[in-house]
Amino acid sequence: MGGDKTQQGSEASRKAKFAEALSPTDESTLEGWSDSYFLRTRQVVQKYGDTRATYALFMRRPVLCAVSLALAWLERVAEQRGENIVIRRRFHEGDWAGAGETLCYIEGSYAFLVPLETLLLQKIGFCSVVANNAFELCTTLPRVAFLAMEARHCAGIEMTEMAAYGASVGSRRAVEEKKARGFVGCAAHATAHFFSQREGAGTMPHGLIGYAGSTLRAAEMFAETFPRQKLVVLVDYFGREITDALEVCARFRERAAKGELAVRLDTHGGRFVEGLDTAKSYAVLERHAPRSLRGYRSEAELKHLIGTGVSAAAVWHAREQLDGAGFGEVGVVASSGFTTEKCAAFALAEAPVETIGTGSYLPEKWSETQATADIVRYDGEERVKLGREFLLPSSKKTDG
């Protein structure tokens, strides 16, 4: 028990250090990243007298509310400086919030809050849009487990933290509301705690296959290095997805029988998975999911069904070949551009995929992530710029 407490304390300390590295709280650092007109405003306010300002924070599009990361940072800054702030949330974390609905009100010294507005807004909108997108992925394929693999697509570690956090919020909502499996892990150790994990998930990149010289040898190397970890083998490096998958299964037959082996398809869009072409892809879906070929609505959706790369037909093809060789317990993991649209096509085809690794829940349009803050009260007196009266506090919605 004592060892567990020590370990928990060490983990908490690590998280705290990580949070401080991502979101600094010291005044000189923050001022360097704030909009200068906010800094000048503070000087004016300090000269003519401070006031208690009440900010309303909102988004211009519907989102899942994911503001706790930002508010926790603001509370740390306030505590370090001895400032009294009042935060009134209008939504619980993970609740739906409509366009223009105030996510939360923040009341405090105007001189204290105004230099923090830039950094606060950076942390609000992105998380909430990511949460929304992650929810959509999880509910589109509720029986599939997702891995958050956005880390290498992010612009720095702060964005990585916000993306992973947002995905965890959207995932929890999908699990609670739709009984989905949701996101079960992420790529990086530092953000694994958002998914109740101690370490990041993932086994091997293409580079390890190239280093080993063969898919089988890479699998052997990995298994020898990490004997207790489930073996998920990337099989598209040499364009022999089926041949290499079956070879690995034969080599690790015992693991395969126990369900401790999976193969990952990550075939790029420049070619078909081994053994397929357009006609054969149609045939595969005719055998397993004929309704999908009669239900697609766009050329993009058709490509996700029978096109090059990791299509629904490719997953069904891999499943056929594995089952036919007696490896029915070997799972199929997929990655490569899994947007909501692609997931919808896989749902239509009832593709037998076990886990999907994706970073495509990151917003395609950065403008959608922009949060806005307006002051609606000064020393308790309502005063808001013309056109933003909808932000004024109302008793119609209770605080979260």
Protein backbone atom coordinates (compact mmCIF):
# COMPACT_ATOMS: atom_id res chain seq x y z
CA MET A 1 0.00 0.00 0.00
CA GLY A 2 2.81 2.41 0.87
CA GLY A 3 4.44 1.78 -2.47
CA ASP A 4 1.17 2.54 -4.24
CA LYS A 5 0.87 5.90 -2.44
CA THR A 6 4.44 6.79 -3.32
CA GLN A 7 3.80 5.88 -6.94
CA GLN A 8 0.58 7.92 -7.00
CA GLY A 9 2.39 10.88 -5.48
CA SER A 10 5.15 10.61 -8.06
CA GLU A 11 2.56 10.45 -10.84
CA ALA A 12 0.76 13.52 -9.49
CA SER A 13 4.05 15.41 -9.29
CA ARG A 14 4.90 14.47 -12.87
CA LYS A 15 1.51 15.68 -14.10
CA ALA A 16 1.90 18.95 -12.20
CA LYS A 17 5.32 19.59 -13.72
CA PHE A 18 3.99 18.74 -17.15
CA ALA A 19 1.04 21.12 -16.72
CA GLU A 20 3.34 23.95 -15.64
CA ALA A 21 5.65 23.36 -18.60
CA LEU A 22 2.69 23.51 -20.99
CA SER A 23 0.84 26.37 -19.35
CA PRO A 24 3.22 28.71 -17.52
CA THR A 25 1.80 30.89 -14.79
CA ASP A 26 4.62 33.33 -14.00
CA GLU A 27 3.71 36.90 -14.84
CA SER A 28 6.71 37.87 -16.96
CA THR A 29 6.32 34.86 -19.26
CA LEU A 30 2.60 35.38 -19.70
CA GLU A 31 2.99 39.05 -20.53
CA GLY A 32 5.32 38.16 -23.36
CA TRP A 33 2.57 36.12 -25.02
CA SER A 34 -0.39 38.40 -24.37
CA ASP A 35 -1.81 40.86 -26.89
CA SER A 36 -0.11 44.19 -26.19
CA TYR A 37 -3.35 46.15 -26.14
CA PHE A 38 -4.47 44.07 -23.17
CA LEU A 39 -1.26 44.97 -21.36
CA ARG A 40 -1.78 48.66 -22.12
CA THR A 41 -5.38 48.38 -20.95
CA ARG A 42 -4.15 47.08 -17.62
CA GLN A 43 -1.92 50.13 -17.24
CA VAL A 44 -4.87 52.45 -17.92
CA VAL A 45 -7.04 50.59 -15.41
CA GLN A 46 -4.32 50.67 -12.78
CA LYS A 47 -3.96 54.42 -13.30
CA TYR A 48 -7.67 55.26 -13.12
CA GLY A 49 -8.91 52.59 -10.73
CA ASP A 50 -9.59 48.86 -10.94
CA THR A 51 -13.07 47.32 -11.29
CA ARG A 52 -14.66 43.90 -10.90
CA ALA A 53 -15.21 42.71 -14.47
CA THR A 54 -17.42 39.80 -15.49
CA TYR A 55 -16.41 38.05 -18.69
CA ALA A 56 -18.69 35.83 -20.77
CA LEU A 57 -16.89 33.19 -22.86
CA PHE A 58 -18.61 31.63 -25.86
CA MET A 59 -18.14 29.86 -29.21
CA ARG A 60 -19.63 30.71 -32.59
CA ARG A 61 -20.49 27.08 -33.38
CA PRO A 62 -22.04 24.18 -31.45
CA VAL A 63 -19.52 22.26 -29.36
CA LEU A 64 -19.12 19.90 -26.44
CA CYS A 65 -18.07 22.01 -23.48
CA ALA A 66 -14.43 21.19 -22.63
CA VAL A 67 -13.17 24.14 -20.63
CA SER A 68 -11.76 22.55 -17.46
CA LEU A 69 -8.17 22.56 -18.70
CA ALA A 70 -8.33 26.31 -19.33
CA LEU A 71 -10.15 27.12 -16.09
CA ALA A 72 -7.73 25.04 -14.03
CA TRP A 73 -4.88 27.07 -15.50
CA LEU A 74 -6.65 30.34 -14.69
CA GLU A 75 -7.27 29.22 -11.13
CA ARG A 76 -3.57 28.36 -10.70
CA VAL A 77 -2.56 31.82 -11.87
CA ALA A 78 -5.09 33.46 -9.53
CA GLU A 79 -3.95 31.40 -6.56
CA GLN A 80 -0.28 32.23 -7.14
CA ARG A 81 -1.06 35.94 -7.23
CA GLY A 82 -3.58 35.96 -4.38
CA GLU A 83 -6.44 37.05 -6.65
CA ASN A 84 -10.08 36.30 -5.91
CA ILE A 85 -11.92 35.13 -9.01
CA VAL A 86 -15.39 33.64 -9.32
CA ILE A 87 -16.11 31.14 -12.09
CA ARG A 88 -19.71 30.30 -12.91
CA ARG A 89 -20.03 27.46 -15.36
CA ARG A 90 -23.23 27.19 -17.36
CA PHE A 91 -22.48 23.69 -18.63
CA HIS A 92 -20.97 20.58 -17.14
CA GLU A 93 -17.88 19.26 -18.90
CA GLY A 94 -19.06 17.29 -21.93
CA ASP A 95 -22.46 19.01 -22.20
CA TRP A 96 -23.68 20.29 -25.53
CA ALA A 97 -23.40 24.05 -25.93
CA GLY A 98 -24.96 25.89 -28.84
CA ALA A 99 -23.44 28.63 -30.95
CA GLY A 100 -23.38 31.87 -28.96
CA GLU A 101 -24.27 30.24 -25.64
CA THR A 102 -22.10 31.41 -22.79
CA LEU A 103 -19.90 28.53 -21.63
CA CYS A 104 -18.94 30.25 -18.39
CA TYR A 105 -18.72 33.59 -16.62
CA ILE A 106 -15.49 34.70 -14.99
CA GLU A 107 -15.53 37.55 -12.47
CA GLY A 108 -12.46 39.18 -11.02
CA SER A 109 -10.16 42.17 -10.99
CA TYR A 110 -10.08 43.69 -14.45
CA ALA A 111 -6.42 44.58 -14.05
CA PHE A 112 -5.67 40.94 -13.26
CA LEU A 113 -7.85 39.30 -15.91
CA VAL A 114 -7.26 41.47 -18.94
CA PRO A 115 -3.64 40.38 -19.66
CA LEU A 116 -4.76 36.74 -19.42
CA GLU A 117 -7.52 36.95 -22.02
CA THR A 118 -5.28 35.98 -24.96
CA LEU A 119 -4.01 32.77 -23.39
CA LEU A 120 -7.37 31.86 -21.91
CA LEU A 121 -9.10 32.00 -25.28
CA GLN A 122 -6.37 29.89 -26.84
CA LYS A 123 -7.25 27.12 -24.41
CA ILE A 124 -11.04 27.28 -24.62
CA GLY A 125 -12.15 26.81 -28.22
CA PHE A 126 -9.78 24.14 -29.47
CA CYS A 127 -10.57 21.65 -26.70
CA SER A 128 -14.30 22.06 -27.16
CA VAL A 129 -14.26 21.54 -30.94
CA VAL A 130 -11.97 18.52 -30.57
CA ALA A 131 -14.36 17.07 -27.98
CA ASN A 132 -17.23 17.50 -30.42
CA ASN A 133 -15.32 15.80 -33.24
CA ALA A 134 -14.16 12.93 -31.05
CA PHE A 135 -17.73 12.32 -29.91
CA GLU A 136 -18.85 12.08 -33.53
CA LEU A 137 -16.16 9.53 -34.36
CA CYS A 138 -16.97 7.37 -31.35
CA THR A 139 -20.73 7.38 -31.91
CA THR A 140 -20.38 6.68 -35.62
CA LEU A 141 -18.54 3.43 -34.81
CA PRO A 142 -19.66 2.65 -31.26
CA ARG A 143 -18.30 -0.91 -31.22
CA VAL A 144 -14.80 0.16 -32.25
CA ALA A 145 -12.07 1.28 -29.85
CA PHE A 146 -10.19 4.44 -30.86
CA LEU A 147 -6.64 5.52 -30.16
CA ALA A 148 -5.81 9.25 -30.17
CA MET A 149 -2.79 9.46 -32.46
CA GLU A 150 -2.73 13.21 -33.08
CA ALA A 151 0.58 13.98 -31.35
CA ARG A 152 2.80 14.22 -34.45
CA HIS A 153 0.16 16.31 -36.25
CA CYS A 154 0.06 18.97 -33.53
CA ALA A 155 1.89 22.29 -33.48
CA GLY A 156 3.72 21.75 -30.21
CA ILE A 157 3.14 20.01 -26.91
CA GLU A 158 0.48 22.41 -25.61
CA MET A 159 -1.72 21.64 -28.60
CA THR A 160 -1.08 17.93 -28.03
CA GLU A 161 -2.30 18.19 -24.46
CA MET A 162 -5.43 20.09 -25.47
CA ALA A 163 -6.20 17.63 -28.29
CA ALA A 164 -5.86 14.59 -26.04
CA TYR A 165 -7.93 16.23 -23.33
CA GLY A 166 -10.66 17.20 -25.79
CA ALA A 167 -10.74 13.66 -27.18
CA SER A 168 -11.16 12.26 -23.68
CA VAL A 169 -14.12 14.57 -22.99
CA GLY A 170 -15.84 13.65 -26.26
CA SER A 171 -15.13 9.98 -25.65
CA ARG A 172 -16.64 10.02 -22.16
CA ARG A 173 -19.81 11.60 -23.51
CA ALA A 174 -20.03 8.93 -26.24
CA VAL A 175 -19.54 6.14 -23.70
CA GLU A 176 -22.19 7.55 -21.37
CA GLU A 177 -24.74 8.53 -24.00
CA LYS A 178 -24.31 5.88 -26.70
CA LYS A 179 -22.54 3.08 -24.82
CA ALA A 180 -19.66 3.43 -27.27
CA ARG A 181 -16.23 1.97 -26.58
CA GLY A 182 -14.69 5.38 -27.28
CA PHE A 183 -11.05 6.40 -27.06
CA VAL A 184 -9.13 3.89 -24.96
CA GLY A 185 -5.68 5.47 -25.16
CA CYS A 186 -3.38 7.89 -26.93
CA ALA A 187 0.06 8.07 -28.49
CA ALA A 188 2.04 9.96 -25.84
CA HIS A 189 2.87 8.95 -22.29
CA ALA A 190 2.36 12.51 -21.03
CA THR A 191 -1.33 12.60 -21.99
CA ALA A 192 -2.18 8.95 -21.25
CA HIS A 193 -3.71 9.91 -17.89
CA PHE A 194 -6.63 11.56 -19.70
CA PHE A 195 -7.64 8.05 -20.79
CA SER A 196 -6.93 6.42 -17.41
CA GLN A 197 -3.73 4.88 -18.78
CA ARG A 198 -0.17 5.09 -17.48
CA GLU A 199 1.53 4.91 -20.87
CA GLY A 200 0.93 5.84 -24.47
CA ALA A 201 -0.36 3.19 -26.86
CA GLY A 202 1.17 1.96 -30.09
CA THR A 203 3.71 -0.63 -31.17
CA MET A 204 5.67 0.01 -34.35
CA PRO A 205 6.03 2.61 -37.12
CA HIS A 206 7.04 1.87 -40.69
CA GLY A 207 10.62 2.79 -39.85
CA LEU A 208 10.98 -0.25 -37.59
CA ILE A 209 9.89 -2.56 -40.42
CA GLY A 210 12.49 -1.01 -42.70
CA TYR A 211 15.13 -1.32 -40.00
CA ALA A 212 14.36 -4.99 -39.43
CA GLY A 213 14.32 -5.81 -43.13
CA SER A 214 11.08 -7.77 -43.00
CA THR A 215 7.70 -7.55 -41.32
CA LEU A 216 8.22 -10.87 -39.58
CA ARG A 217 11.62 -9.90 -38.21
CA ALA A 218 10.23 -6.61 -36.89
CA ALA A 219 7.47 -8.55 -35.12
CA GLU A 220 10.05 -10.90 -33.60
CA MET A 221 12.20 -8.01 -32.42
CA PHE A 222 9.24 -6.28 -30.83
CA ALA A 223 7.99 -9.45 -29.15
CA GLU A 224 11.44 -10.18 -27.74
CA THR A 225 11.77 -6.62 -26.41
CA PHE A 226 8.23 -6.35 -25.03
CA PRO A 227 7.18 -9.94 -24.31
CA ARG A 228 4.15 -8.98 -22.19
CA GLN A 229 2.65 -6.41 -24.53
CA LYS A 230 -0.02 -7.27 -27.07
CA LEU A 231 1.61 -7.61 -30.47
CA VAL A 232 0.10 -5.32 -33.11
CA VAL A 233 2.06 -5.70 -36.33
CA LEU A 234 2.09 -3.16 -39.14
CA VAL A 235 1.80 -5.14 -42.39
CA ASP A 236 1.75 -2.73 -45.35
CA TYR A 237 5.43 -1.71 -45.61
CA PHE A 238 6.30 -4.11 -48.44
CA GLY A 239 2.85 -4.07 -50.04
CA ARG A 240 2.23 -7.65 -48.88
CA GLU A 241 -0.46 -7.02 -46.29
CA ILE A 242 -1.97 -10.50 -46.51
CA THR A 243 1.20 -12.50 -47.11
CA ASP A 244 3.07 -10.82 -44.27
CA ALA A 245 0.08 -10.94 -41.92
CA LEU A 246 -0.30 -14.68 -42.39
CA GLU A 247 3.43 -15.23 -41.98
CA VAL A 248 3.41 -13.36 -38.67
CA CYS A 249 0.33 -15.27 -37.51
CA ALA A 250 1.98 -18.59 -38.32
CA ARG A 251 5.11 -17.58 -36.41
CA PHE A 252 3.11 -16.46 -33.37
CA ARG A 253 0.39 -19.09 -33.57
CA GLU A 254 -0.06 -19.38 -29.82
CA ARG A 255 -0.47 -15.64 -29.39
CA ALA A 256 -2.84 -15.59 -32.33
CA ALA A 257 -5.03 -18.26 -30.75
CA LYS A 258 -5.18 -16.31 -27.47
CA GLY A 259 -6.19 -13.06 -29.15
CA GLU A 260 -2.86 -11.47 -28.24
CA LEU A 261 -2.00 -10.62 -31.83
CA ALA A 262 -3.43 -8.08 -34.27
CA VAL A 263 -2.42 -6.77 -37.66
CA ARG A 264 -2.55 -3.09 -38.56
CA LEU A 265 -3.48 -1.82 -42.00
CA ASP A 266 -2.07 1.61 -42.85
CA THR A 267 -1.86 1.29 -46.64
CA HIS A 268 -1.49 4.68 -48.32
CA GLY A 269 -3.97 5.90 -50.89
CA GLY A 270 -1.66 5.32 -53.84
CA ARG A 271 -2.42 1.61 -54.13
CA PHE A 272 -4.81 -1.18 -53.17
CA VAL A 273 -4.18 -3.63 -50.35
CA GLU A 274 -2.55 -6.82 -51.60
CA GLY A 275 -5.00 -8.95 -53.55
CA LEU A 276 -7.51 -6.21 -54.30
CA ASP A 277 -8.42 -3.94 -57.19
CA THR A 278 -11.65 -2.07 -57.89
CA ALA A 279 -13.56 -5.10 -59.14
CA LYS A 280 -12.38 -7.36 -56.33
CA SER A 281 -13.20 -4.68 -53.77
CA TYR A 282 -16.75 -4.53 -55.06
CA ALA A 283 -16.93 -8.32 -54.85
CA VAL A 284 -15.73 -8.38 -51.25
CA LEU A 285 -18.44 -5.97 -50.14
CA GLU A 286 -21.07 -7.82 -52.19
CA ARG A 287 -20.25 -10.88 -50.12
CA HIS A 288 -20.25 -9.18 -46.74
CA ALA A 289 -22.05 -5.83 -46.89
CA PRO A 290 -24.06 -5.51 -50.11
CA ARG A 291 -26.28 -2.78 -48.69
CA SER A 292 -23.26 -0.49 -48.34
CA LEU A 293 -22.78 -0.45 -52.11
CA ARG A 294 -26.38 0.62 -52.56
CA GLY A 295 -26.34 3.15 -49.77
CA TYR A 296 -23.33 5.37 -50.41
CA ARG A 297 -24.08 9.02 -51.13
CA SER A 298 -20.88 10.54 -52.49
CA GLU A 299 -17.76 9.70 -54.44
CA ALA A 300 -15.71 10.22 -51.27
CA GLU A 301 -17.86 7.72 -49.41
CA LEU A 302 -17.49 5.24 -52.28
CA LYS A 303 -13.71 5.62 -52.10
CA HIS A 304 -13.78 4.81 -48.40
CA LEU A 305 -15.78 1.69 -49.26
CA ILE A 306 -13.91 0.22 -52.24
CA GLY A 307 -11.04 2.58 -53.08
CA THR A 308 -7.31 2.41 -52.61
CA GLY A 309 -5.69 2.52 -49.19
CA VAL A 310 -7.45 1.34 -46.05
CA SER A 311 -10.97 0.89 -47.33
CA ALA A 312 -13.85 -1.04 -45.82
CA ALA A 313 -13.30 -3.66 -48.51
CA ALA A 314 -9.64 -3.91 -47.47
CA VAL A 315 -10.62 -4.66 -43.87
CA TRP A 316 -13.17 -7.26 -44.96
CA HIS A 317 -10.56 -8.78 -47.30
CA ALA A 318 -8.03 -9.06 -44.47
CA ARG A 319 -10.68 -10.59 -42.23
CA GLU A 320 -11.57 -13.15 -44.90
CA GLN A 321 -7.95 -14.20 -45.37
CA LEU A 322 -7.22 -14.44 -41.65
CA ASP A 323 -10.35 -16.49 -40.99
CA GLY A 324 -9.68 -18.72 -43.96
CA ALA A 325 -6.21 -19.53 -42.61
CA GLY A 326 -7.58 -20.37 -39.17
CA PHE A 327 -6.66 -17.09 -37.45
CA GLY A 328 -10.11 -15.95 -36.45
CA GLU A 329 -8.88 -14.56 -33.11
CA VAL A 330 -6.41 -12.17 -34.73
CA GLY A 331 -7.77 -8.63 -34.73
CA VAL A 332 -7.63 -6.08 -37.53
CA VAL A 333 -6.48 -2.60 -36.55
CA ALA A 334 -6.80 0.27 -39.02
CA SER A 335 -5.30 3.72 -39.41
CA SER A 336 -4.93 6.33 -42.16
CA GLY A 337 -7.25 9.31 -42.40
CA PHE A 338 -10.18 8.21 -40.26
CA THR A 339 -12.44 11.24 -40.33
CA THR A 340 -16.11 11.16 -39.35
CA GLU A 341 -16.96 10.68 -43.03
CA LYS A 342 -14.67 7.68 -43.35
CA CYS A 343 -16.00 6.19 -40.13
CA ALA A 344 -19.55 6.57 -41.46
CA ALA A 345 -18.60 4.57 -44.55
CA PHE A 346 -17.07 1.85 -42.36
CA ALA A 347 -20.25 1.80 -40.28
CA LEU A 348 -22.32 1.42 -43.45
CA ALA A 349 -20.17 -1.55 -44.45
CA GLU A 350 -20.10 -2.96 -40.91
CA ALA A 351 -16.34 -3.33 -41.39
CA PRO A 352 -14.86 -5.79 -38.86
CA VAL A 353 -12.24 -3.47 -37.43
CA GLU A 354 -11.17 -3.89 -33.81
CA THR A 355 -9.37 -0.61 -33.19
CA ILE A 356 -8.83 2.59 -35.17
CA GLY A 357 -5.88 4.88 -34.65
CA THR A 358 -6.64 8.41 -35.73
CA GLY A 359 -5.63 12.03 -35.38
CA SER A 360 -8.30 13.15 -37.82
CA TYR A 361 -10.61 14.40 -35.10
CA LEU A 362 -8.43 17.51 -35.12
CA PRO A 363 -10.46 20.37 -36.62
CA GLU A 364 -10.00 20.87 -40.36
CA LYS A 365 -10.95 24.55 -40.09
CA TRP A 366 -8.95 26.38 -37.46
CA SER A 367 -11.38 29.29 -37.56
CA GLU A 368 -14.01 27.04 -35.97
CA THR A 369 -11.91 26.77 -32.81
CA GLN A 370 -11.82 30.46 -32.04
CA ALA A 371 -13.47 31.31 -28.74
CA THR A 372 -14.57 34.83 -27.81
CA ALA A 373 -14.76 36.70 -24.50
CA ASP A 374 -16.77 39.83 -23.85
CA ILE A 375 -17.15 41.75 -20.62
CA VAL A 376 -20.82 41.94 -19.65
CA ARG A 377 -20.61 43.56 -16.18
CA TYR A 378 -18.45 46.17 -14.49
CA ASP A 379 -18.76 46.23 -10.69
CA GLY A 380 -22.08 44.39 -11.03
CA GLU A 381 -23.56 46.82 -13.57
CA GLU A 382 -24.60 45.18 -16.84
CA ARG A 383 -22.83 46.78 -19.78
CA VAL A 384 -22.04 44.91 -22.97
CA LYS A 385 -21.19 46.01 -26.48
CA LEU A 386 -24.12 46.42 -28.86
CA GLY A 387 -25.18 43.18 -30.45
CA ARG A 388 -23.87 40.93 -27.69
CA GLU A 389 -26.79 41.34 -25.30
CA PHE A 390 -27.44 37.59 -25.58
CA LEU A 391 -24.41 37.08 -23.34
CA LEU A 392 -25.94 38.81 -20.34
CA PRO A 393 -26.48 36.47 -17.37
CA SER A 394 -29.90 34.88 -17.43
CA SER A 395 -31.81 32.80 -14.93
CA LYS A 396 -33.13 30.57 -17.71
CA LYS A 397 -30.17 28.21 -17.37
CA THR A 398 -28.82 27.11 -14.03
CA ASP A 399 -25.13 27.08 -13.29
CA GLY A 400 -23.28 23.82 -13.96
